[in-house]
Protein backbone atom coordinates (compact mmCIF):
# COMPACT_ATOMS: atom_id res chain seq x y z
CA MET A 1 -1.41 7.92 -17.69
CA ARG A 2 -3.99 5.63 -17.11
CA PHE A 3 -6.02 4.27 -19.51
CA GLY A 4 -9.46 6.31 -20.13
CA GLY A 5 -7.69 9.38 -18.79
CA SER A 6 -4.62 10.86 -17.44
CA TRP A 7 -2.84 8.67 -14.88
CA SER A 8 -3.23 11.33 -11.76
CA THR A 9 -1.00 11.39 -8.96
CA GLY A 10 -2.56 14.15 -7.33
CA PRO A 11 -3.48 14.15 -4.02
CA PHE A 12 -6.76 12.37 -2.78
CA ARG A 13 -8.91 15.60 -0.91
CA PRO A 14 -10.74 14.31 1.77
CA SER A 15 -13.10 16.24 3.43
CA ILE A 16 -11.68 17.36 6.98
CA ILE A 17 -13.58 16.07 10.39
CA TYR A 18 -13.79 18.81 13.15
CA GLU A 19 -14.19 17.96 16.83
CA VAL A 20 -17.13 20.27 17.82
CA GLY A 21 -17.17 19.35 21.20
CA SER A 22 -15.34 17.45 23.57
CA LEU A 23 -17.07 13.96 25.10
CA ASN A 24 -15.54 15.76 28.55
CA SER A 25 -18.21 18.71 28.02
CA ARG A 26 -20.85 16.48 28.51
CA ARG A 27 -19.86 15.14 32.14
CA THR A 28 -20.88 17.77 35.00
CA GLY A 29 -20.66 18.08 38.82
CA GLY A 30 -17.98 15.17 40.27
CA SER A 31 -17.04 14.13 36.73
CA PHE A 32 -16.08 17.22 36.26
CA LEU A 33 -13.34 17.34 39.21
CA PHE A 34 -12.20 14.09 38.15
CA LEU A 35 -10.95 15.30 34.90
CA VAL A 36 -9.27 18.10 36.44
CA VAL A 37 -7.15 15.91 38.99
CA LEU A 38 -6.81 13.63 35.52
CA ILE A 39 -4.97 16.36 33.62
CA LEU A 40 -2.67 17.22 36.35
CA PHE A 41 -1.53 13.79 36.92
CA PHE A 42 -0.93 13.33 32.91
CA GLN A 43 0.55 16.82 32.58
CA ASN A 44 4.05 15.92 33.31
CA CYS A 45 3.19 11.94 31.97
CA SER A 46 4.25 11.47 28.40
CA VAL A 47 1.86 8.94 26.99
CA GLY A 48 3.85 5.46 26.10
CA PHE A 49 3.66 3.38 22.65
CA ARG A 50 4.81 0.19 21.80
CA ALA A 51 7.03 0.28 18.40
CA ASP A 52 5.89 -3.27 17.07
CA GLU A 53 9.45 -4.89 15.52
CA GLU A 54 10.07 -5.49 11.63
CA LEU A 55 8.80 -9.12 11.91
CA SER A 56 6.39 -9.90 14.40
CA LEU A 57 5.22 -12.91 13.07
CA ALA A 58 8.06 -16.17 12.25
CA MET A 59 5.86 -16.67 9.01
CA ILE A 60 2.96 -15.44 6.85
CA SER A 61 -0.21 -17.49 7.50
CA GLY A 62 -1.29 -18.76 3.87
CA SER A 63 -5.24 -18.04 5.24
CA ALA A 64 -6.87 -15.01 5.93
CA VAL A 65 -8.39 -13.94 9.30
CA GLU A 66 -11.79 -12.79 8.96
CA SER A 67 -12.71 -9.72 11.00
CA ALA A 68 -14.43 -6.59 10.71
CA VAL A 69 -13.37 -3.20 9.41
CA PRO A 70 -12.58 -1.73 13.00
CA SER A 71 -15.98 0.17 14.04
CA PRO A 72 -14.81 2.97 15.87
CA ILE A 73 -13.23 4.36 12.39
CA SER A 74 -16.70 5.73 10.64
CA GLN A 75 -16.86 5.12 6.69
CA ASN A 76 -18.52 8.41 6.65
CA GLN A 77 -16.02 11.48 6.17
CA GLY A 78 -18.65 13.77 7.58
CA SER A 79 -19.17 11.98 10.33
CA ILE A 80 -18.29 13.79 14.22
CA ILE A 81 -15.52 12.02 15.59
CA PRO A 82 -14.68 13.61 19.21
CA SER A 83 -11.52 13.31 20.45
CA SER A 84 -10.15 10.83 23.02
CA GLY A 85 -10.25 13.42 25.70
CA ILE A 86 -6.64 12.92 26.61
CA ALA A 87 -5.01 16.44 27.54
CA PRO A 88 -1.96 17.57 25.42
CA SER A 89 1.42 17.49 28.14
CA VAL A 90 2.26 20.86 28.92
CA GLY A 91 6.11 21.95 28.80
CA ALA A 92 8.03 25.36 29.47
CA GLU A 93 5.85 28.06 28.38
CA ASN A 94 6.79 28.75 24.52
CA VAL A 95 4.11 29.79 21.34
CA CYS A 96 3.08 26.26 21.50
CA GLN A 97 1.80 25.44 24.72
CA VAL A 98 -2.05 25.44 25.08
CA THR A 99 -3.95 27.32 28.12
CA THR A 100 -7.20 27.33 26.25
CA GLU A 101 -8.55 24.73 23.94
CA SER A 102 -10.60 27.08 21.59
CA GLY A 103 -10.76 30.21 19.63
CA GLY A 104 -7.88 29.16 17.49
CA PRO A 105 -6.98 29.23 14.49
CA ALA A 106 -8.62 26.45 12.17
CA VAL A 107 -7.43 24.12 9.47
CA ALA A 108 -8.53 25.03 5.89
CA ALA A 109 -7.39 21.64 4.05
CA ILE A 110 -5.16 18.73 4.34
CA THR A 111 -3.58 16.66 1.99
CA SER A 112 -1.39 14.46 3.58
CA PRO A 113 -2.13 12.24 5.05
CA MET A 114 -4.61 10.67 3.32
CA ARG A 115 -7.35 8.74 4.30
CA LEU A 116 -7.45 5.13 3.74
CA ARG A 117 -3.44 5.14 2.09
CA VAL A 118 -0.70 3.01 3.78
CA TYR A 119 2.75 4.38 4.11
CA GLN A 120 5.53 2.18 4.19
CA ARG A 121 7.47 1.10 7.62
CA GLN A 122 10.94 1.45 7.79
CA GLY A 123 12.21 -0.42 10.69
CA GLY A 124 8.92 -0.29 13.83
CA ALA A 125 7.74 3.46 11.96
CA ALA A 126 7.54 5.23 9.54
CA GLN A 127 7.66 9.42 9.15
CA LEU A 128 4.11 10.36 7.88
CA PRO A 129 3.88 13.18 5.35
CA VAL A 130 1.97 16.45 7.36
CA ASN A 131 1.06 18.66 4.51
CA LEU A 132 -1.65 20.90 5.21
CA VAL A 133 -2.92 24.78 4.85
CA LEU A 134 -4.21 27.17 7.56
CA ALA A 135 -7.42 29.21 7.68
CA GLY A 136 -6.02 31.98 9.84
CA ALA A 137 -2.88 33.40 11.33
CA ALA A 138 -0.67 30.66 13.33
CA ASP A 139 2.13 30.30 15.69
CA CYS A 140 2.12 26.50 15.72
CA VAL A 141 0.84 23.72 14.43
CA GLN A 142 0.39 20.00 16.49
CA ALA A 143 -0.21 16.89 15.37
CA ARG A 144 -1.11 13.16 17.29
CA ILE A 145 -2.15 9.91 16.49
CA LEU A 146 -5.02 7.43 17.92
CA ARG A 147 -5.84 4.07 17.51
CA ASP A 148 -8.74 2.92 16.30
CA ASP A 149 -10.29 2.67 19.71
CA ARG A 150 -9.00 6.21 20.22
CA SER A 151 -6.76 5.65 22.42
CA THR A 152 -3.86 7.99 22.25
CA LEU A 153 -0.51 6.39 20.80
CA VAL A 154 1.75 9.38 19.83
CA ASP A 155 0.36 12.61 22.04
CA TRP A 156 -0.01 15.72 20.81
CA THR A 157 3.36 16.64 18.93
CA THR A 158 4.66 20.34 17.58
CA ILE A 159 5.11 19.79 13.74
CA ALA A 160 5.89 23.30 12.56
CA SER A 161 6.66 26.52 14.88
CA ALA A 162 6.67 30.10 12.75
CA ALA A 163 4.59 32.75 12.35
CA PHE A 164 2.58 31.61 10.00
CA ALA A 165 -0.12 33.58 8.06
CA SER A 166 -3.37 32.64 7.50
CA GLY A 167 -3.85 30.88 4.11
CA ALA A 168 0.13 29.64 4.94
CA GLY A 169 0.77 26.00 3.93
CA VAL A 170 2.34 23.56 6.56
CA SER A 171 4.51 21.05 5.18
CA SER A 172 6.30 18.72 8.12
CA SER A 173 6.07 14.80 9.12
CA LEU A 174 5.13 12.83 12.13
CA ASN A 175 7.17 9.38 12.75
CA THR A 176 4.45 7.39 13.73
CA PRO A 177 4.68 3.10 14.79
CA ASN A 178 3.79 0.30 12.79
CA GLY A 179 -0.18 -0.41 12.73
CA GLY A 180 -3.40 0.84 12.21
CA TRP A 181 -5.87 1.98 11.24
CA TYR A 182 -5.30 5.28 13.10
CA PHE A 183 -6.96 8.49 13.56
CA PHE A 184 -4.65 11.63 12.44
CA GLU A 185 -5.61 14.50 14.36
CA VAL A 186 -4.24 18.36 14.08
CA ARG A 187 -4.47 21.46 15.17
CA ALA A 188 -3.07 24.71 14.83
CA ILE A 189 -2.55 27.56 17.93
CA LYS A 190 -2.29 31.05 17.94
CA ASP A 191 -1.55 33.21 21.40
CA HIS A 192 -1.75 29.90 23.62
CA ALA A 193 -5.17 29.14 21.98
CA ALA A 194 -5.77 25.84 20.45
CA GLY A 195 -8.38 25.69 17.58
CA PRO A 196 -10.83 23.13 16.27
CA VAL A 197 -9.38 19.56 15.67
CA ALA A 198 -9.13 18.19 12.29
CA THR A 199 -9.54 14.24 12.24
CA LEU A 200 -8.42 11.79 9.22
CA ASP A 201 -9.69 7.97 9.63
CA TYR A 202 -7.82 5.32 8.31
CA ILE A 203 -4.57 5.85 8.29
CA GLY A 204 -2.13 3.19 8.46
CA VAL A 205 1.65 2.35 8.70
CA GLY A 206 2.36 -0.72 6.62
CA GLU A 207 3.36 -2.75 3.78
CA VAL A 208 3.30 -1.49 0.05
CA PHE A 209 3.18 -3.23 -3.05
CA VAL A 210 3.37 -2.30 -6.82
CA THR A 211 2.94 -5.18 -8.78
CA ALA A 212 3.04 -5.76 -12.68
CA GLY A 213 2.96 -8.16 -15.47
CA GLN A 214 0.26 -9.72 -17.33
CA SER A 215 -3.19 -11.31 -17.16
CA ASN A 216 -2.30 -12.94 -13.63
CA SER A 217 -1.03 -9.85 -12.12
CA THR A 218 -4.40 -8.64 -12.84
CA PHE A 219 -8.04 -9.95 -12.98
CA PHE A 220 -8.42 -13.12 -14.84
CA GLY A 221 -8.93 -15.15 -12.30
CA GLU A 222 -12.22 -17.16 -12.18
CA GLN A 223 -14.11 -14.95 -9.46
CA PRO A 224 -13.17 -11.24 -7.94
CA GLN A 225 -11.59 -11.18 -4.99
CA ARG A 226 -11.95 -8.31 -1.85
CA THR A 227 -10.28 -7.70 1.58
CA LYS A 228 -11.93 -10.20 4.70
CA THR A 229 -9.93 -7.99 6.98
CA GLY A 230 -10.74 -4.77 6.18
CA LYS A 231 -6.93 -4.22 5.96
CA VAL A 232 -5.74 -3.88 2.96
CA VAL A 233 -6.29 -1.44 0.25
CA TYR A 234 -5.81 -0.57 -3.85
CA PHE A 235 -4.43 2.42 -5.73
CA ASP A 236 -5.89 2.44 -8.97
CA GLY A 237 -3.00 5.23 -9.70
CA ALA A 238 -6.31 8.10 -8.68
CA THR A 239 -7.85 6.84 -5.94
CA TRP A 240 -6.84 4.79 -2.42
CA GLN A 241 -10.21 2.21 -1.53
CA LEU A 242 -10.85 -0.93 0.27
CA CYS A 243 -9.22 -3.90 -1.88
CA GLN A 244 -11.73 -5.48 -4.13
CA ASP A 245 -11.83 -6.88 -7.36
CA PRO A 246 -11.26 -5.25 -10.66
CA LEU A 247 -9.84 -2.36 -11.21
CA PRO A 248 -11.24 -0.83 -14.15
CA ASN A 249 -8.99 1.80 -14.08
CA VAL A 250 -5.98 -0.71 -14.22
CA ASP A 251 -7.02 -3.42 -16.56
CA PRO A 252 -11.02 -2.83 -17.98
CA GLN A 253 -10.33 -6.05 -19.81
CA GLY A 254 -10.55 -8.38 -16.72
CA SER A 255 -13.76 -9.09 -14.95
CA GLY A 256 -12.31 -11.79 -12.29
CA GLY A 257 -10.51 -11.97 -9.56
CA ALA A 258 -6.28 -11.17 -8.50
CA PRO A 259 -4.25 -12.47 -5.94
CA TRP A 260 -3.88 -9.42 -3.80
CA CYS A 261 -6.19 -8.98 -1.85
CA PRO A 262 -6.54 -12.71 0.11
CA LEU A 263 -2.51 -12.04 -0.29
CA GLY A 264 -2.86 -9.03 1.82
CA ASP A 265 -5.11 -10.32 4.36
CA SER A 266 -2.24 -12.79 4.67
CA ILE A 267 0.51 -10.60 5.18
CA ALA A 268 -2.01 -8.44 7.56
CA ALA A 269 -2.41 -11.01 9.66
CA GLY A 270 1.12 -12.38 9.61
CA TYR A 271 2.97 -8.59 10.50
CA GLY A 272 -0.01 -6.99 11.99
CA VAL A 273 -0.33 -4.26 9.84
CA PRO A 274 -2.60 -2.43 7.04
CA VAL A 275 -1.53 -3.29 3.45
CA ALA A 276 -1.60 -1.69 -0.05
CA PHE A 277 -1.63 -2.69 -3.75
CA ALA A 278 -0.90 -0.66 -6.80
CA PRO A 279 -1.56 -2.85 -9.54
CA THR A 280 -0.92 -1.68 -13.03
CA GLY A 281 -0.59 -4.60 -14.96
CA TRP A 282 -1.83 -5.78 -18.13
CA GLY A 283 -3.36 -8.83 -19.77
CA GLY A 284 -1.53 -10.61 -22.33
CA SER A 285 1.55 -8.18 -22.48
CA SER A 286 4.61 -9.07 -24.11
CA ILE A 287 7.92 -7.89 -21.86
CA SER A 288 8.70 -6.00 -25.18
CA GLN A 289 5.36 -4.20 -24.58
CA TRP A 290 6.92 -2.78 -21.09
CA GLN A 291 9.51 -1.22 -22.69
CA ALA A 292 10.40 2.56 -22.57
CA ASN A 293 10.07 2.92 -26.07
CA ALA A 294 7.97 0.34 -26.68
CA SER A 295 5.44 1.01 -30.05
CA THR A 296 3.16 -1.90 -29.19
CA SER A 297 2.50 -0.54 -25.54
CA PRO A 298 -1.62 -1.03 -25.00
CA GLY A 299 -2.66 2.94 -24.71
CA GLY A 300 0.31 4.75 -26.64
CA VAL A 301 4.20 4.56 -27.10
CA GLY A 302 5.59 3.30 -23.87
CA VAL A 303 2.62 3.32 -21.68
CA LEU A 304 2.83 0.25 -19.83
CA TYR A 305 6.39 1.50 -19.00
CA LYS A 306 5.13 5.33 -17.62
CA ARG A 307 2.33 3.67 -15.53
CA MET A 308 4.79 1.51 -13.65
CA THR A 309 7.06 3.32 -13.01
CA GLN A 310 5.19 6.74 -12.46
CA THR A 311 3.18 4.77 -9.89
CA VAL A 312 6.58 3.76 -8.32
CA ALA A 313 7.99 7.44 -8.39
CA TYR A 314 4.53 8.09 -6.80
CA PHE A 315 5.49 6.80 -3.35
CA GLY A 316 8.65 7.97 -3.51
CA PRO A 317 12.59 7.06 -1.77
CA GLY A 318 11.59 4.24 0.40
CA GLY A 319 7.62 4.33 -0.04
CA VAL A 320 7.57 0.15 -1.49
CA ARG A 321 8.81 -1.77 -0.11
CA ALA A 322 8.92 -4.00 -3.55
CA VAL A 323 7.81 -4.66 -7.20
CA LEU A 324 5.90 -7.96 -7.92
CA TRP A 325 6.27 -8.78 -11.43
CA HIS A 326 4.38 -11.48 -12.35
CA GLN A 327 4.71 -12.37 -16.40
CA GLY A 328 6.34 -14.55 -18.95
CA GLU A 329 3.40 -16.65 -20.48
CA SER A 330 3.30 -14.44 -23.64
CA ASP A 331 7.26 -14.69 -24.30
CA VAL A 332 8.10 -18.63 -23.95
CA SER A 333 9.30 -18.48 -27.52
CA MET A 334 11.52 -15.83 -26.35
CA PRO A 335 15.84 -16.11 -26.21
CA GLN A 336 16.95 -16.14 -22.01
CA ASN A 337 19.51 -13.29 -22.71
CA THR A 338 16.78 -10.91 -24.70
CA TYR A 339 14.41 -11.85 -21.45
CA VAL A 340 16.71 -10.80 -18.72
CA THR A 341 17.72 -8.03 -20.73
CA SER A 342 14.56 -6.24 -21.20
CA LEU A 343 13.50 -7.20 -17.64
CA LEU A 344 17.26 -5.56 -16.25
CA ALA A 345 16.06 -2.17 -18.10
CA ILE A 346 12.40 -2.48 -16.16
CA ILE A 347 13.62 -2.42 -13.42
CA GLN A 348 16.43 -0.47 -13.73
CA GLY A 349 13.76 2.11 -15.07
CA SER A 350 11.84 1.79 -11.87
CA ARG A 351 14.75 2.85 -9.55
CA GLU A 352 15.14 5.58 -11.81
CA ALA A 353 11.89 6.99 -10.87
CA ALA A 354 12.05 5.77 -7.55
CA GLY A 355 15.37 7.80 -6.28
CA THR A 356 16.21 4.41 -4.88
CA ALA A 357 16.87 0.38 -5.55
CA VAL A 358 13.32 -0.33 -5.32
CA PRO A 359 13.26 -4.34 -4.29
CA TRP A 360 12.05 -6.86 -7.06
CA ILE A 361 10.33 -10.26 -6.45
CA VAL A 362 10.08 -11.82 -10.12
CA ALA A 363 7.92 -14.73 -10.30
CA GLN A 364 8.60 -18.04 -12.54
CA ALA A 365 5.61 -18.13 -14.69
CA THR A 366 5.14 -19.58 -18.17
CA TYR A 367 2.69 -22.33 -18.80
CA PRO A 368 1.60 -24.79 -15.74
CA HIS A 369 3.64 -27.35 -15.37
CA ASP A 370 1.32 -30.04 -16.66
CA TRP A 371 0.25 -27.81 -19.55
CA SER A 372 1.03 -30.61 -22.34
CA SER A 373 -2.40 -32.40 -20.80
CA SER A 374 -4.13 -29.33 -21.95
CA SER A 375 -6.79 -28.74 -24.84
CA LEU A 376 -4.42 -26.42 -26.56
CA ALA A 377 -1.42 -28.99 -26.38
CA LEU A 378 -3.70 -31.96 -27.66
CA TRP A 379 -4.63 -29.69 -30.81
CA ARG A 380 -0.79 -29.00 -31.06
CA THR A 381 -0.03 -32.34 -31.07
CA LEU A 382 -2.24 -33.68 -33.99
CA SER A 383 -0.46 -30.62 -36.13
CA CYS A 384 2.89 -31.55 -35.45
CA GLU A 385 2.74 -35.19 -34.40
CA GLY A 386 4.38 -34.15 -31.12
CA GLN A 387 7.24 -32.64 -31.93
CA CYS A 388 6.43 -28.85 -30.89
CA ILE A 389 5.22 -29.86 -27.51
CA ASP A 390 8.93 -30.80 -27.18
CA GLU A 391 10.11 -27.43 -29.05
CA ARG A 392 7.89 -25.85 -26.51
CA ASN A 393 8.69 -27.01 -23.93
CA ALA A 394 12.39 -26.32 -23.80
CA GLN A 395 11.67 -22.79 -24.80
CA ARG A 396 10.23 -22.09 -21.50
CA GLN A 397 12.53 -23.43 -20.10
CA GLN A 398 14.50 -20.87 -21.08
CA ILE A 399 11.95 -18.08 -19.75
CA ARG A 400 12.02 -20.00 -16.26
CA ALA A 401 16.41 -19.45 -16.24
CA ALA A 402 16.07 -15.95 -17.12
CA GLN A 403 14.08 -15.23 -14.22
CA SER A 404 15.78 -17.38 -12.43
CA GLN A 405 18.82 -15.84 -13.41
CA LEU A 406 17.76 -12.13 -12.19
CA VAL A 407 17.95 -13.20 -8.61
CA GLY A 408 20.20 -11.95 -6.76
CA ALA A 409 21.22 -9.07 -9.34
CA GLY A 410 21.27 -6.20 -7.06
CA ASN A 411 17.80 -6.16 -4.54
CA VAL A 412 15.89 -8.87 -7.10
CA PHE A 413 14.55 -11.88 -5.15
CA ALA A 414 13.07 -14.94 -6.23
CA GLY A 415 9.08 -15.07 -6.48
CA PRO A 416 6.92 -18.01 -6.16
CA ASP A 417 7.23 -20.67 -9.11
CA THR A 418 3.58 -20.83 -9.93
CA ASP A 419 3.78 -22.90 -13.04
CA VAL A 420 4.16 -25.27 -9.85
CA LEU A 421 0.35 -24.51 -9.79
CA GLY A 422 -1.14 -26.96 -12.41
CA LEU A 423 -4.64 -27.31 -14.55
CA MET A 424 -6.47 -28.14 -11.69
CA TYR A 425 -6.14 -24.90 -10.17
CA ARG A 426 -6.75 -23.48 -13.80
CA PRO A 427 -10.16 -23.42 -15.27
CA ASP A 428 -9.03 -22.08 -19.15
CA GLY A 429 -5.58 -23.71 -19.06
CA ILE A 430 -4.01 -20.21 -17.71
CA HIS A 431 -5.87 -18.34 -15.92
CA PHE A 432 -6.07 -19.37 -11.65
CA SER A 433 -9.53 -20.69 -10.18
CA VAL A 434 -10.54 -19.39 -6.60
CA ALA A 435 -8.84 -22.40 -5.43
CA GLY A 436 -5.99 -21.46 -7.61
CA LEU A 437 -6.09 -17.94 -6.57
CA HIS A 438 -5.58 -19.18 -2.76
CA ALA A 439 -2.55 -21.40 -3.55
CA GLU A 440 -0.60 -18.08 -5.51
CA VAL A 441 -1.39 -16.16 -1.91
CA GLN A 442 0.59 -19.19 -0.25
CA LEU A 443 3.46 -18.96 -2.93
CA TRP A 444 3.67 -15.53 -2.98
CA GLY A 445 3.16 -15.31 0.86
CA SER A 446 6.38 -17.42 1.43
CA SER A 447 8.55 -15.24 -1.27
CA ILE A 448 7.61 -11.59 0.32
CA HIS A 449 8.75 -13.31 3.74
CA ALA A 450 12.29 -14.60 2.45
CA ALA A 451 12.74 -10.95 1.17
CA ILE A 452 11.67 -8.64 3.75
CA GLN A 453 13.72 -10.99 5.95
CA SER A 454 16.99 -10.54 3.52
CA LEU A 455 16.11 -6.90 2.87
CA ILE A 456 16.30 -5.91 6.95
CA GLN A 457 19.65 -7.96 7.42
CA GLN A 458 20.79 -5.66 4.70
CA PRO A 459 23.81 -2.96 6.20
């Protein structure tokens, strides 16, 4: 569910861009002869690619690297994107051998992959899910991946071969190396004739995170943030979009910024892959409101729990690098064991929904370390002669201890200690200034990098 409407996990259906003519068709004379020679040369050659290593850099930088969204990729889904002109390799005589580049069946619809979606990498690649509907009868379906400069990364690959009827659905996958943004192209073949090429842009293989918690996990920072690299996206439960704060479908209370867009820019710069965040937090929420049967959950019984677990389930087994948990400010008076038990129940629920032990990265978050100098603390000092300040400090240490206690409990990793970011970074005593958001980015970046290193070393 989502607030203000249903929490949709259905496919985002982009329009399909059909190739209506090859760049090569505008060449004549000597250029055409050269193309024929080039095709003959490539007949027995495969197009190679380098699969990026899991850790392409030693450390994630704390600063974002500015660059434009890759210019060869049109923002307009209705524009015509010609193919790169690389000829498909021709193998032994079979139903997938192409003898003519026209006259074959078309692809009526593509429901996967999705435009602007990032697919979680495993090692050096991801199995890109392919789901489509054919407009005509076909013998074979092939797909390929182009880089943003339209050079071939993965050449035409047969992903399905059968006697498909018109209107048939095809489900398969394509092994795709880390990186992006990519073009995904697919075509159907009948009687050795290829149909028009259907193209989707902005397809990525990289890092995917679900975020959860209270206001500092959503949009209560001093100013909204946006991606500067063009390599970071949000999923709000219904649509994929370039990263820009806020997301009213997630938390309509917040109109400011979150750390996720600049954090994504940092990760993208460090690892050389696109990054996705699916925020599910809610400002002011207690961990008790995140329980499966919480009657006080905003929006209805158990809504926060359902929203987060449904989001994790949407990505499927292995589809999320980690859940990033930033919460605790509302629970500083809660006993340590109660907090531990409560968060373990949420973690277990997310794993049942995902069908796998999805990792969690848990921040240490209560009050800023120097909170006793805040206006709120000074008011309390007057009312209790300072004794309640010491009491509250002792209480928040219990929550910090609970958050630390969870680390190591089966794929639960230490997140940033955001309490070290004091009042100089928090204009209202709790939420972050722009400088505070970027300081938080460096802390999250270090924690995520350490968690990824641990995960890839697991047997």
